[in-house]
Amino acid sequence: MSGPAASVRAVDLGIEASGLTKRYKDVVALDGVDLAVPRGTVLGLLGPNGAGKTTTVRVLTTLLQPDGGSARVAGVDVVGDPAGVRSRIGLSGQYAAVDEYLTGYENLEMVGRLYHLGRRRSRDRARELLDQFGLGDAANRPAKTYSGGMRRRLDLAGALVADPEVIFLDEPTTGLDPRARLDMWEVIASLVAGGTTLLLTTQYLEEADRLADEIVVIDHGRVIAQGTSSQLKSQIGGERVELTVRDGAQVEQAVAALADLATGETGSDVASRSVVVPVTGGAPALAEALRRLAEAGVDLEDVGLRRPTLDEVFLTLTGHASTGDDRPDRGGQGRTTAGGDR
């Protein structure tokens, strides 16, 4: 096996893929994708519209067969033993896979029965998850009365009914308001703390920045960058010291004091009393800037070191902003259970 998966022993990997390819007629959706996700970690899979993110998820969850390459999830081959994979995973897609005419409790109990957990265990598990996701008070209400955030939580709870080893979350917070998104982030973080392996696709780069142990950026079906959020930001550089002086008359004084520290063109504006100085070196560069400004007698109102955001990294790597759904066809995405797809 070549690629990143070769560098980690298979036994340590929750998800591994080597050379995955998938073609839709003349469209190459996946063009040799390699992935290696250690157990108990979160991989953030990022990419613009049409990049191949959802196709990757669908292959790894056995909803699509790859045209080439290989993949194993929870140690099981996705082509050789798809039923074995399905029994070990949970999937929450972009659209909540809940029956709106069933109650929250009935939705989860039904999923448990599909996983062949038995009547008693399915009922117990439904109650456990409803309480865990803060839906206990709404357990006996039809899902159609739930808010968007409640439906997303119910859908994620459904993906956890069988205590899966690996969970796939395909844009789990799309359409949620900021409060509901924060609530979902807390739920996801608690899952990972419990040892679950998680692959997350998202169009909210702040989400990946906060939740992912490692990030893979995919574009035109190929992996174009990977690493931690910090590593990706470091790749494109762009650190800068940003400061505001109390007196606009000191703007030029500040620029002169930091001239030798700047690694590029310094920006300044007297009206806003601001100075932006490109630097390298992180916190030590900021400390040196503060020392020079103090020696020059510059009176500061505010100062800070700003690194590139993940949005800026994404834009630099792909040439365009992050967007949503990338599937050539929108059908077939839902929850995967041991009994099949729905």
Protein backbone atom coordinates (compact mmCIF):
# COMPACT_ATOMS: atom_id res chain seq x y z
CA MET A 1 0.00 0.00 0.00
CA SER A 2 1.27 3.45 -0.92
CA GLY A 3 0.20 6.89 0.30
CA PRO A 4 -0.47 8.08 3.84
CA ALA A 5 -2.15 4.85 4.91
CA ALA A 6 1.13 3.01 4.42
CA SER A 7 2.79 5.04 7.17
CA VAL A 8 0.37 3.85 9.88
CA ARG A 9 -0.22 0.25 10.80
CA ALA A 10 -3.61 -0.91 9.53
CA VAL A 11 -4.62 -2.08 12.98
CA ASP A 12 -4.40 1.54 14.18
CA LEU A 13 -6.62 2.94 11.46
CA GLY A 14 -10.35 3.50 11.68
CA ILE A 15 -10.49 4.51 8.00
CA GLU A 16 -7.97 3.83 5.27
CA ALA A 17 -8.13 4.30 1.53
CA SER A 18 -5.59 3.85 -1.22
CA GLY A 19 -5.97 5.08 -4.78
CA LEU A 20 -9.77 5.39 -4.75
CA THR A 21 -11.21 6.25 -8.15
CA LYS A 22 -14.78 6.86 -9.24
CA ARG A 23 -16.10 8.09 -12.55
CA TYR A 24 -19.57 9.29 -13.57
CA LYS A 25 -19.53 8.95 -17.37
CA ASP A 26 -17.11 11.71 -18.42
CA VAL A 27 -16.76 13.18 -14.91
CA VAL A 28 -13.89 11.95 -12.75
CA ALA A 29 -15.26 12.27 -9.21
CA LEU A 30 -12.34 10.56 -7.45
CA ASP A 31 -8.88 10.40 -8.94
CA GLY A 32 -6.64 8.35 -6.67
CA VAL A 33 -7.73 9.44 -3.17
CA ASP A 34 -5.59 8.21 -0.24
CA LEU A 35 -6.77 8.57 3.36
CA ALA A 36 -5.50 7.34 6.73
CA VAL A 37 -7.56 8.14 9.81
CA PRO A 38 -6.22 6.79 13.14
CA ARG A 39 -8.82 5.32 15.46
CA GLY A 40 -10.35 7.80 17.87
CA THR A 41 -9.55 10.88 15.78
CA VAL A 42 -11.46 13.29 13.56
CA LEU A 43 -10.62 13.83 9.89
CA GLY A 44 -12.05 16.98 8.33
CA LEU A 45 -12.59 16.46 4.60
CA LEU A 46 -12.79 19.83 2.86
CA GLY A 47 -13.26 20.77 -0.74
CA PRO A 48 -15.19 23.10 -3.04
CA ASN A 49 -18.36 22.20 -4.90
CA GLY A 50 -17.73 19.16 -7.10
CA ALA A 51 -14.48 18.23 -5.34
CA GLY A 52 -15.49 14.66 -4.50
CA LYS A 53 -16.15 14.89 -0.75
CA THR A 54 -19.57 13.27 -0.72
CA THR A 55 -18.54 10.70 -3.31
CA THR A 56 -15.71 9.72 -0.97
CA VAL A 57 -18.17 9.33 1.91
CA ARG A 58 -20.54 7.27 -0.23
CA VAL A 59 -17.76 4.91 -1.26
CA LEU A 60 -16.50 4.49 2.30
CA THR A 61 -20.02 3.81 3.58
CA THR A 62 -20.71 1.23 0.80
CA LEU A 63 -23.38 3.35 -0.90
CA LEU A 64 -21.19 3.39 -4.01
CA GLN A 65 -18.62 0.94 -5.32
CA PRO A 66 -15.31 2.48 -6.36
CA ASP A 67 -14.05 1.93 -9.88
CA GLY A 68 -10.54 1.41 -8.57
CA GLY A 69 -8.40 1.42 -5.45
CA SER A 70 -9.20 -0.07 -2.07
CA ALA A 71 -10.64 1.02 1.26
CA ARG A 72 -11.15 -0.43 4.71
CA VAL A 73 -13.38 0.96 7.45
CA ALA A 74 -13.02 -0.38 11.00
CA GLY A 75 -10.66 -2.93 9.48
CA VAL A 76 -13.25 -4.26 7.01
CA ASP A 77 -12.98 -4.06 3.22
CA VAL A 78 -15.76 -1.87 1.81
CA VAL A 79 -16.08 -3.93 -1.39
CA GLY A 80 -15.29 -7.40 -0.03
CA ASP A 81 -17.61 -7.19 3.00
CA PRO A 82 -20.03 -4.26 2.70
CA ALA A 83 -22.42 -5.77 5.26
CA GLY A 84 -19.56 -6.00 7.74
CA VAL A 85 -18.76 -2.33 7.18
CA ARG A 86 -22.40 -1.31 7.62
CA SER A 87 -22.61 -3.12 10.93
CA ARG A 88 -19.70 -1.05 12.26
CA ILE A 89 -20.53 2.45 11.06
CA GLY A 90 -23.00 5.27 11.50
CA LEU A 91 -23.85 7.83 8.84
CA SER A 92 -25.55 11.19 9.15
CA GLY A 93 -26.02 12.82 5.76
CA GLN A 94 -26.67 16.39 4.71
CA TYR A 95 -30.41 15.91 5.06
CA ALA A 96 -31.89 14.52 8.27
CA ALA A 97 -32.97 10.92 7.60
CA VAL A 98 -35.91 10.88 10.00
CA ASP A 99 -39.51 9.88 9.49
CA GLU A 100 -41.42 13.05 10.34
CA TYR A 101 -44.61 11.16 11.11
CA LEU A 102 -42.95 9.00 13.77
CA THR A 103 -42.04 10.32 17.21
CA GLY A 104 -38.41 10.82 18.13
CA TYR A 105 -38.58 7.65 20.22
CA GLU A 106 -40.16 5.65 17.40
CA ASN A 107 -37.51 6.82 14.94
CA LEU A 108 -34.66 5.59 17.11
CA GLU A 109 -36.42 2.37 18.14
CA MET A 110 -36.98 1.61 14.46
CA VAL A 111 -33.30 2.11 13.64
CA GLY A 112 -32.37 -0.24 16.49
CA ARG A 113 -34.64 -2.91 15.03
CA LEU A 114 -33.02 -2.43 11.60
CA TYR A 115 -29.67 -3.06 13.28
CA HIS A 116 -31.17 -6.27 14.72
CA LEU A 117 -30.60 -5.12 18.30
CA GLY A 118 -33.81 -6.77 19.47
CA ARG A 119 -36.92 -5.10 20.82
CA ARG A 120 -35.75 -4.50 24.39
CA ARG A 121 -32.28 -3.23 23.50
CA SER A 122 -33.71 -1.01 20.75
CA ARG A 123 -36.10 0.60 23.20
CA ASP A 124 -33.45 1.08 25.88
CA ARG A 125 -31.01 2.53 23.38
CA ALA A 126 -33.64 4.94 22.04
CA ARG A 127 -34.28 6.31 25.53
CA GLU A 128 -30.55 6.60 26.27
CA LEU A 129 -29.87 8.60 23.13
CA LEU A 130 -32.89 10.86 23.48
CA ASP A 131 -31.64 11.85 26.93
CA GLN A 132 -28.04 12.21 25.72
CA PHE A 133 -29.08 14.55 22.92
CA GLY A 134 -31.43 16.64 25.03
CA LEU A 135 -34.53 15.32 23.31
CA GLY A 136 -36.10 13.46 26.23
CA ASP A 137 -38.91 15.97 26.68
CA ALA A 138 -39.77 15.69 22.97
CA ALA A 139 -39.49 11.90 22.79
CA ASN A 140 -43.21 11.34 22.18
CA ARG A 141 -43.73 14.19 19.75
CA PRO A 142 -43.82 13.59 15.97
CA ALA A 143 -40.52 14.56 14.37
CA LYS A 144 -42.36 16.98 12.08
CA THR A 145 -42.86 19.23 15.13
CA TYR A 146 -39.10 19.38 15.79
CA SER A 147 -36.96 22.39 14.94
CA GLY A 148 -34.17 22.03 12.39
CA GLY A 149 -31.59 21.66 15.15
CA MET A 150 -33.66 19.00 16.92
CA ARG A 151 -34.03 17.02 13.69
CA ARG A 152 -30.29 17.11 13.10
CA ARG A 153 -29.67 15.87 16.65
CA LEU A 154 -32.23 13.11 16.17
CA ASP A 155 -30.57 12.11 12.91
CA LEU A 156 -27.15 11.98 14.57
CA ALA A 157 -28.62 9.97 17.43
CA GLY A 158 -29.93 7.51 14.85
CA ALA A 159 -26.41 7.09 13.50
CA LEU A 160 -25.25 6.11 17.00
CA VAL A 161 -27.89 3.55 17.89
CA ALA A 162 -25.58 0.57 17.34
CA ASP A 163 -22.54 2.15 19.06
CA PRO A 164 -20.59 2.31 15.77
CA GLU A 165 -16.82 2.27 15.71
CA VAL A 166 -16.72 4.82 12.89
CA ILE A 167 -19.11 7.69 12.15
CA PHE A 168 -19.43 9.65 8.92
CA LEU A 169 -20.95 13.12 9.20
CA ASP A 170 -21.62 14.75 5.84
CA GLU A 171 -22.10 18.47 6.51
CA PRO A 172 -23.90 17.79 9.80
CA THR A 173 -24.65 21.42 10.67
CA THR A 174 -25.77 22.75 7.29
CA GLY A 175 -28.75 25.04 7.74
CA LEU A 176 -28.50 25.26 11.52
CA ASP A 177 -28.49 28.58 13.35
CA PRO A 178 -25.30 29.49 15.27
CA ARG A 179 -26.65 28.27 18.62
CA ALA A 180 -27.74 24.92 17.23
CA ARG A 181 -24.40 24.57 15.45
CA LEU A 182 -22.51 25.11 18.70
CA ASP A 183 -24.71 22.51 20.40
CA MET A 184 -23.92 20.01 17.64
CA TRP A 185 -20.21 20.71 17.96
CA GLU A 186 -20.38 19.85 21.64
CA VAL A 187 -22.11 16.56 20.84
CA ILE A 188 -19.50 15.70 18.20
CA ALA A 189 -16.65 16.55 20.57
CA SER A 190 -18.11 14.26 23.24
CA LEU A 191 -18.30 11.38 20.75
CA VAL A 192 -14.65 11.70 19.87
CA ALA A 193 -13.69 11.95 23.53
CA GLY A 194 -15.31 8.54 23.92
CA GLY A 195 -12.97 7.01 21.33
CA THR A 196 -15.11 7.16 18.18
CA THR A 197 -13.40 7.60 14.80
CA LEU A 198 -15.08 10.33 12.79
CA LEU A 199 -14.90 11.61 9.23
CA LEU A 200 -16.48 15.02 8.86
CA THR A 201 -17.22 16.91 5.66
CA THR A 202 -18.20 20.51 6.13
CA GLN A 203 -18.58 23.80 4.29
CA TYR A 204 -18.01 25.67 7.56
CA LEU A 205 -14.25 25.94 7.84
CA GLU A 206 -14.50 27.12 11.44
CA GLU A 207 -16.09 23.75 12.13
CA ALA A 208 -13.08 21.86 10.77
CA ASP A 209 -10.71 24.23 12.54
CA ARG A 210 -12.38 23.46 15.86
CA LEU A 211 -13.17 19.74 15.56
CA ALA A 212 -10.66 18.07 13.23
CA ASP A 213 -7.39 16.49 14.36
CA GLU A 214 -6.28 16.46 10.73
CA ILE A 215 -7.65 18.08 7.60
CA VAL A 216 -7.57 16.78 4.04
CA VAL A 217 -8.34 19.22 1.23
CA ILE A 218 -9.70 17.58 -1.90
CA ASP A 219 -10.22 19.23 -5.28
CA HIS A 220 -11.17 17.71 -8.63
CA GLY A 221 -11.14 14.31 -6.98
CA ARG A 222 -7.56 14.57 -5.73
CA VAL A 223 -6.02 15.24 -2.35
CA ILE A 224 -4.17 18.53 -2.74
CA ALA A 225 -3.16 19.16 0.88
CA GLN A 226 -3.32 17.54 4.28
CA GLY A 227 -2.16 18.19 7.81
CA THR A 228 -3.35 19.79 11.00
CA SER A 229 -5.07 23.14 10.80
CA SER A 230 -1.90 24.79 12.13
CA GLN A 231 0.28 23.02 9.56
CA LEU A 232 -1.92 24.07 6.67
CA LYS A 233 -1.91 27.67 7.85
CA SER A 234 1.87 27.60 8.13
CA GLN A 235 2.19 26.31 4.56
CA ILE A 236 0.79 29.50 3.08
CA GLY A 237 2.46 31.89 5.53
CA GLY A 238 0.75 35.20 5.95
CA GLU A 239 1.38 35.97 9.62
CA ARG A 240 1.12 39.63 10.44
CA VAL A 241 1.30 41.93 13.42
CA GLU A 242 -1.73 44.19 13.51
CA LEU A 243 -1.76 47.21 15.81
CA THR A 244 -3.67 50.35 16.56
CA VAL A 245 -1.89 53.38 18.01
CA ARG A 246 -3.64 55.83 20.31
CA ASP A 247 -2.52 58.86 18.33
CA GLY A 248 -2.65 58.89 14.54
CA ALA A 249 0.45 61.04 14.53
CA GLN A 250 2.43 57.98 15.69
CA VAL A 251 1.46 55.76 12.75
CA GLU A 252 4.58 56.59 10.75
CA GLN A 253 6.67 56.25 13.90
CA ALA A 254 5.35 52.70 14.36
CA VAL A 255 5.99 51.85 10.71
CA ALA A 256 9.59 53.02 11.04
CA ALA A 257 10.15 51.08 14.26
CA LEU A 258 9.03 47.83 12.63
CA ALA A 259 10.60 48.35 9.20
CA ASP A 260 13.40 45.81 9.73
CA LEU A 261 10.96 43.23 11.07
CA ALA A 262 8.63 43.33 8.06
CA THR A 263 8.87 40.48 5.55
CA GLY A 264 6.78 42.29 2.97
CA GLU A 265 4.93 45.51 2.32
CA THR A 266 3.65 47.20 5.47
CA GLY A 267 0.17 48.68 5.42
CA SER A 268 -0.85 51.75 7.41
CA ASP A 269 -3.79 54.09 7.71
CA VAL A 270 -3.66 57.34 9.68
CA ALA A 271 -7.44 57.74 9.82
CA SER A 272 -7.96 54.39 11.58
CA ARG A 273 -4.58 54.66 13.39
CA SER A 274 -3.75 51.12 12.19
CA VAL A 275 -0.57 49.41 11.04
CA VAL A 276 -0.29 45.92 9.52
CA VAL A 277 3.18 44.38 9.30
CA PRO A 278 3.81 41.00 7.61
CA VAL A 279 6.14 38.85 9.75
CA THR A 280 7.41 35.33 10.23
CA GLY A 281 8.17 33.51 13.44
CA GLY A 282 4.88 33.67 15.30
CA ALA A 283 4.86 34.76 18.94
CA PRO A 284 8.58 35.67 19.06
CA ALA A 285 7.99 38.09 16.19
CA LEU A 286 5.16 39.70 18.14
CA ALA A 287 7.36 39.99 21.24
CA GLU A 288 10.10 41.63 19.19
CA ALA A 289 7.59 44.05 17.66
CA LEU A 290 6.37 45.05 21.12
CA ARG A 291 9.94 45.62 22.29
CA ARG A 292 10.74 47.86 19.32
CA LEU A 293 7.51 49.83 19.67
CA ALA A 294 8.17 50.38 23.38
CA GLU A 295 11.70 51.60 22.65
CA ALA A 296 10.30 53.98 20.05
CA GLY A 297 7.80 55.35 22.57
CA VAL A 298 4.75 54.32 20.53
CA ASP A 299 1.59 54.29 22.65
CA LEU A 300 -0.57 51.32 21.67
CA GLU A 301 -4.30 50.93 21.96
CA ASP A 302 -4.38 47.38 20.61
CA VAL A 303 -1.93 44.86 19.14
CA GLY A 304 -2.06 41.24 18.09
CA LEU A 305 -0.58 38.53 15.90
CA ARG A 306 -2.90 37.31 13.19
CA ARG A 307 -2.39 34.05 11.36
CA PRO A 308 -4.22 33.03 8.19
CA THR A 309 -7.70 31.69 8.73
CA LEU A 310 -8.61 28.27 7.39
CA ASP A 311 -10.81 30.13 4.89
CA GLU A 312 -7.72 31.90 3.56
CA VAL A 313 -5.85 28.59 3.37
CA PHE A 314 -8.75 27.06 1.45
CA LEU A 315 -8.91 29.97 -0.96
CA THR A 316 -5.15 29.83 -1.56
CA LEU A 317 -5.15 26.07 -2.16
CA THR A 318 -8.22 25.81 -4.38
CA GLY A 319 -8.55 29.27 -5.87
CA HIS A 320 -12.15 29.58 -4.77
CA ALA A 321 -14.28 29.63 -1.66
CA SER A 322 -15.74 26.59 0.07
CA THR A 323 -19.25 25.63 -1.01
CA GLY A 324 -21.67 22.85 -0.30
CA ASP A 325 -22.89 19.68 -2.00
CA ASP A 326 -20.51 18.11 -4.51
CA ARG A 327 -22.47 15.16 -5.79
CA PRO A 328 -23.13 14.71 -9.51
CA ASP A 329 -26.35 13.01 -8.40
CA ARG A 330 -28.14 13.78 -5.16
CA GLY A 331 -29.84 10.43 -4.65
CA GLY A 332 -28.98 7.58 -2.31
CA GLN A 333 -27.54 9.50 0.62
CA GLY A 334 -29.04 8.48 3.91
CA ARG A 335 -28.43 6.40 6.99
CA THR A 336 -26.64 3.09 6.52
CA THR A 337 -27.68 0.20 8.71
CA ALA A 338 -26.71 -3.43 9.03
CA GLY A 339 -29.90 -4.31 7.21
CA GLY A 340 -29.12 -2.21 4.13
CA ASP A 341 -29.40 1.37 2.90
CA ARG A 342 -32.28 3.75 3.27
